[in-house]
């Protein structure tokens, strides 16, 4: 899974776990200790493992990985304020 913290909220992106392909974005309210599924816009990355992720500013980036015998070379971003996943175009 991949996590990003913004203020008192933590966003968790769950991916392939080796048993079941799961893709969901969760929001954990640290102050109130409440966990809920986030209603998102856009399309999150397909289920995967072995990816790289990083946070720049308040934006989460997910790159590459593998899943279902596929290898990914794609880049996605998640904005926790707008709750939008975006597939980014890459070149090179």
N, C-alpha and C. Protein backbone atom coordinates (compact mmCIF):
# COMPACT_ATOMS: atom_id res chain seq x y z
N UNK A 1 0.82 -1.18 0.00
CA UNK A 1 0.00 0.00 0.00
C UNK A 1 0.87 1.24 0.00
N UNK A 2 0.25 2.38 -0.30
CA UNK A 2 0.94 3.65 -0.37
C UNK A 2 0.17 4.64 0.49
N UNK A 3 0.90 5.47 1.26
CA UNK A 3 0.25 6.40 2.19
C UNK A 3 0.75 7.82 1.97
N UNK A 4 -0.15 8.79 2.19
CA UNK A 4 0.20 10.21 2.17
C UNK A 4 -0.57 10.88 3.30
N UNK A 5 0.10 11.77 4.04
CA UNK A 5 -0.58 12.49 5.11
C UNK A 5 -0.71 13.95 4.73
N UNK A 6 -1.93 14.48 4.84
CA UNK A 6 -2.21 15.89 4.59
C UNK A 6 -2.97 16.40 5.80
N UNK A 7 -2.36 17.32 6.53
CA UNK A 7 -2.94 17.87 7.75
C UNK A 7 -3.25 16.72 8.70
N UNK A 8 -4.50 16.56 9.10
CA UNK A 8 -4.85 15.50 10.04
C UNK A 8 -5.44 14.28 9.33
N UNK A 9 -5.33 14.23 8.00
CA UNK A 9 -5.89 13.13 7.23
C UNK A 9 -4.76 12.32 6.61
N UNK A 10 -4.90 11.00 6.62
CA UNK A 10 -3.97 10.12 5.93
C UNK A 10 -4.73 9.40 4.83
N UNK A 11 -4.18 9.41 3.61
CA UNK A 11 -4.80 8.73 2.49
C UNK A 11 -4.00 7.46 2.21
N UNK A 12 -4.71 6.37 2.01
CA UNK A 12 -4.08 5.07 1.81
C UNK A 12 -4.59 4.49 0.50
N UNK A 13 -3.66 4.15 -0.38
CA UNK A 13 -4.01 3.51 -1.65
C UNK A 13 -3.61 2.05 -1.54
N UNK A 14 -4.60 1.17 -1.58
CA UNK A 14 -4.35 -0.28 -1.48
C UNK A 14 -4.27 -0.86 -2.87
N UNK A 15 -3.31 -1.77 -3.06
CA UNK A 15 -3.12 -2.38 -4.36
C UNK A 15 -3.15 -3.90 -4.22
N UNK A 16 -2.61 -4.56 -5.23
CA UNK A 16 -2.55 -6.02 -5.25
C UNK A 16 -1.84 -6.53 -4.00
N UNK A 17 -2.44 -7.54 -3.37
CA UNK A 17 -1.84 -8.06 -2.15
C UNK A 17 -1.31 -9.48 -2.31
N UNK A 18 -1.22 -9.98 -3.53
CA UNK A 18 -0.70 -11.32 -3.76
C UNK A 18 -1.78 -12.38 -3.75
N UNK A 19 -2.94 -12.05 -3.19
CA UNK A 19 -4.04 -13.01 -3.14
C UNK A 19 -5.21 -12.49 -3.97
N UNK A 20 -5.59 -11.25 -3.72
CA UNK A 20 -6.73 -10.64 -4.40
C UNK A 20 -6.29 -9.29 -4.96
N UNK A 21 -6.72 -8.98 -6.18
CA UNK A 21 -6.43 -7.67 -6.74
C UNK A 21 -7.44 -6.67 -6.18
N UNK A 22 -6.94 -5.76 -5.37
CA UNK A 22 -7.79 -4.77 -4.71
C UNK A 22 -7.24 -3.39 -5.06
N UNK A 23 -8.11 -2.51 -5.47
CA UNK A 23 -7.71 -1.12 -5.66
C UNK A 23 -8.74 -0.26 -4.97
N UNK A 24 -8.33 0.46 -3.94
CA UNK A 24 -9.23 1.38 -3.28
C UNK A 24 -8.41 2.47 -2.61
N UNK A 25 -9.02 3.61 -2.46
CA UNK A 25 -8.38 4.73 -1.78
C UNK A 25 -9.16 4.97 -0.49
N UNK A 26 -8.44 4.96 0.63
CA UNK A 26 -9.06 5.15 1.94
C UNK A 26 -8.56 6.44 2.56
N UNK A 27 -9.36 7.01 3.46
CA UNK A 27 -9.00 8.22 4.17
C UNK A 27 -9.09 7.92 5.67
N UNK A 28 -8.01 8.19 6.40
CA UNK A 28 -8.00 7.97 7.84
C UNK A 28 -7.87 9.31 8.53
N UNK A 29 -8.88 9.65 9.34
CA UNK A 29 -8.87 10.88 10.12
C UNK A 29 -8.09 10.60 11.40
N UNK A 30 -6.89 11.14 11.49
CA UNK A 30 -5.98 10.85 12.61
C UNK A 30 -6.56 11.34 13.94
N UNK A 31 -7.17 12.52 13.95
CA UNK A 31 -7.71 13.07 15.20
C UNK A 31 -8.89 12.26 15.72
N UNK A 32 -9.78 11.84 14.82
CA UNK A 32 -10.99 11.13 15.24
C UNK A 32 -10.87 9.62 15.11
N UNK A 33 -9.72 9.15 14.63
CA UNK A 33 -9.48 7.72 14.43
C UNK A 33 -10.61 7.06 13.64
N UNK A 34 -10.96 7.70 12.51
CA UNK A 34 -12.05 7.19 11.66
C UNK A 34 -11.49 6.85 10.28
N UNK A 35 -11.88 5.70 9.75
CA UNK A 35 -11.43 5.23 8.44
C UNK A 35 -12.63 5.12 7.53
N UNK A 36 -12.50 5.66 6.31
CA UNK A 36 -13.59 5.53 5.35
C UNK A 36 -13.05 5.47 3.93
N UNK A 37 -13.85 4.89 3.06
CA UNK A 37 -13.50 4.83 1.64
C UNK A 37 -13.70 6.22 1.04
N UNK A 38 -12.77 6.64 0.20
CA UNK A 38 -12.83 7.97 -0.42
C UNK A 38 -13.58 7.87 -1.75
N UNK A 39 -14.53 8.78 -1.95
CA UNK A 39 -15.18 8.89 -3.25
C UNK A 39 -14.24 9.70 -4.13
N UNK A 40 -13.66 9.05 -5.13
CA UNK A 40 -12.64 9.70 -5.95
C UNK A 40 -13.17 9.96 -7.35
N UNK A 41 -12.46 10.83 -8.05
CA UNK A 41 -12.69 11.07 -9.47
C UNK A 41 -11.46 10.59 -10.21
N UNK A 42 -11.59 10.43 -11.51
CA UNK A 42 -10.48 9.94 -12.30
C UNK A 42 -10.35 8.44 -12.15
N UNK A 43 -9.29 7.91 -12.72
CA UNK A 43 -9.07 6.46 -12.65
C UNK A 43 -7.76 6.16 -11.94
N UNK A 44 -7.83 5.43 -10.82
CA UNK A 44 -6.60 5.10 -10.10
C UNK A 44 -5.78 4.08 -10.89
N UNK A 45 -4.52 3.91 -10.52
CA UNK A 45 -3.71 2.89 -11.18
C UNK A 45 -4.35 1.51 -11.04
N UNK A 46 -4.13 0.65 -12.00
CA UNK A 46 -4.63 -0.72 -11.90
C UNK A 46 -3.92 -1.41 -10.74
N UNK A 47 -4.51 -2.50 -10.21
CA UNK A 47 -3.86 -3.21 -9.10
C UNK A 47 -2.44 -3.62 -9.47
N UNK A 48 -1.49 -3.40 -8.54
CA UNK A 48 -0.08 -3.67 -8.82
C UNK A 48 0.71 -3.81 -7.54
N UNK A 49 1.89 -4.35 -7.68
CA UNK A 49 2.85 -4.40 -6.58
C UNK A 49 4.19 -3.97 -7.16
N UNK A 50 5.19 -3.86 -6.32
CA UNK A 50 6.56 -3.53 -6.76
C UNK A 50 6.65 -2.21 -7.51
N UNK A 51 5.79 -1.25 -7.18
CA UNK A 51 5.83 0.06 -7.82
C UNK A 51 6.67 1.02 -6.98
N UNK A 52 6.92 2.18 -7.52
CA UNK A 52 7.59 3.25 -6.78
C UNK A 52 6.56 4.34 -6.51
N UNK A 53 6.65 4.97 -5.36
CA UNK A 53 5.74 6.07 -5.06
C UNK A 53 6.50 7.17 -4.34
N UNK A 54 6.01 8.39 -4.51
CA UNK A 54 6.65 9.53 -3.88
C UNK A 54 5.61 10.62 -3.69
N UNK A 55 5.85 11.48 -2.72
CA UNK A 55 4.99 12.64 -2.49
C UNK A 55 5.81 13.88 -2.76
N UNK A 56 5.30 14.74 -3.63
CA UNK A 56 5.93 16.03 -3.91
C UNK A 56 4.87 17.08 -3.64
N UNK A 57 5.16 17.97 -2.69
CA UNK A 57 4.11 18.89 -2.22
C UNK A 57 3.07 18.04 -1.52
N UNK A 58 1.83 18.16 -1.93
CA UNK A 58 0.76 17.32 -1.38
C UNK A 58 0.24 16.32 -2.42
N UNK A 59 0.99 16.09 -3.48
CA UNK A 59 0.55 15.19 -4.54
C UNK A 59 1.30 13.87 -4.43
N UNK A 60 0.56 12.77 -4.46
CA UNK A 60 1.13 11.42 -4.45
C UNK A 60 1.33 10.97 -5.89
N UNK A 61 2.52 10.42 -6.19
CA UNK A 61 2.82 9.88 -7.52
C UNK A 61 3.09 8.39 -7.38
N UNK A 62 2.54 7.61 -8.30
CA UNK A 62 2.75 6.16 -8.35
C UNK A 62 3.28 5.82 -9.73
N UNK A 63 4.43 5.13 -9.77
CA UNK A 63 5.05 4.79 -11.05
C UNK A 63 5.31 3.29 -11.15
N UNK A 64 4.99 2.74 -12.33
CA UNK A 64 5.38 1.38 -12.67
C UNK A 64 4.80 0.31 -11.78
N UNK A 65 5.53 -0.80 -11.70
CA UNK A 65 5.11 -1.94 -10.90
C UNK A 65 4.74 -3.12 -11.78
N UNK A 66 4.17 -4.12 -11.16
CA UNK A 66 3.74 -5.31 -11.90
C UNK A 66 2.47 -5.87 -11.26
N UNK A 67 1.74 -6.62 -12.07
CA UNK A 67 0.52 -7.25 -11.59
C UNK A 67 -0.10 -8.06 -12.70
N UNK A 68 -0.74 -9.16 -12.35
CA UNK A 68 -1.39 -10.02 -13.34
C UNK A 68 -0.46 -10.38 -14.49
N UNK A 69 0.80 -10.65 -14.16
CA UNK A 69 1.82 -11.01 -15.15
C UNK A 69 2.14 -9.90 -16.15
N UNK A 70 1.76 -8.66 -15.80
CA UNK A 70 2.07 -7.50 -16.63
C UNK A 70 3.08 -6.63 -15.90
N UNK A 71 3.88 -5.90 -16.67
CA UNK A 71 4.80 -4.92 -16.12
C UNK A 71 4.36 -3.55 -16.59
N UNK A 72 4.23 -2.61 -15.65
CA UNK A 72 3.72 -1.28 -15.97
C UNK A 72 4.85 -0.26 -16.04
N UNK A 73 4.69 0.66 -16.97
CA UNK A 73 5.62 1.76 -17.15
C UNK A 73 4.81 3.06 -17.20
N UNK A 74 3.83 3.17 -16.31
CA UNK A 74 2.93 4.31 -16.32
C UNK A 74 3.10 5.15 -15.05
N UNK A 75 2.60 6.38 -15.12
CA UNK A 75 2.73 7.32 -14.01
C UNK A 75 1.36 7.90 -13.68
N UNK A 76 1.00 7.87 -12.40
CA UNK A 76 -0.29 8.37 -11.94
C UNK A 76 -0.06 9.34 -10.79
N UNK A 77 -0.98 10.29 -10.63
CA UNK A 77 -0.92 11.20 -9.49
C UNK A 77 -2.26 11.21 -8.77
N UNK A 78 -2.21 11.48 -7.47
CA UNK A 78 -3.42 11.61 -6.67
C UNK A 78 -3.34 12.91 -5.88
N UNK A 79 -4.37 13.74 -6.05
CA UNK A 79 -4.47 14.99 -5.31
C UNK A 79 -5.46 14.76 -4.17
N UNK A 80 -4.99 14.72 -2.92
CA UNK A 80 -5.89 14.41 -1.80
C UNK A 80 -6.88 15.52 -1.47
N UNK A 81 -6.63 16.73 -1.95
CA UNK A 81 -7.56 17.83 -1.70
C UNK A 81 -8.78 17.69 -2.62
N UNK A 82 -8.52 17.53 -3.93
CA UNK A 82 -9.62 17.38 -4.90
C UNK A 82 -10.09 15.93 -5.00
N UNK A 83 -9.27 14.99 -4.47
CA UNK A 83 -9.55 13.55 -4.51
C UNK A 83 -9.66 13.05 -5.94
N UNK A 84 -8.71 13.49 -6.77
CA UNK A 84 -8.70 13.12 -8.18
C UNK A 84 -7.43 12.34 -8.51
N UNK A 85 -7.60 11.16 -9.13
CA UNK A 85 -6.48 10.40 -9.71
C UNK A 85 -6.33 10.84 -11.16
N UNK A 86 -5.10 11.01 -11.61
CA UNK A 86 -4.80 11.43 -12.97
C UNK A 86 -3.71 10.53 -13.54
N UNK A 87 -3.91 10.07 -14.78
CA UNK A 87 -2.86 9.35 -15.50
C UNK A 87 -2.03 10.39 -16.23
N UNK A 88 -0.73 10.44 -15.96
CA UNK A 88 0.15 11.45 -16.55
C UNK A 88 0.83 10.90 -17.79
N UNK A 89 1.00 11.75 -18.76
CA UNK A 89 1.70 11.36 -19.98
C UNK A 89 3.21 11.45 -19.76
N UNK A 90 3.91 10.46 -20.21
CA UNK A 90 5.38 10.45 -20.09
C UNK A 90 5.99 10.29 -21.47
N UNK A 91 7.26 10.63 -21.60
CA UNK A 91 7.96 10.41 -22.86
C UNK A 91 9.42 10.09 -22.55
N UNK A 92 10.06 9.48 -23.52
CA UNK A 92 11.48 9.19 -23.34
C UNK A 92 11.79 7.75 -23.13
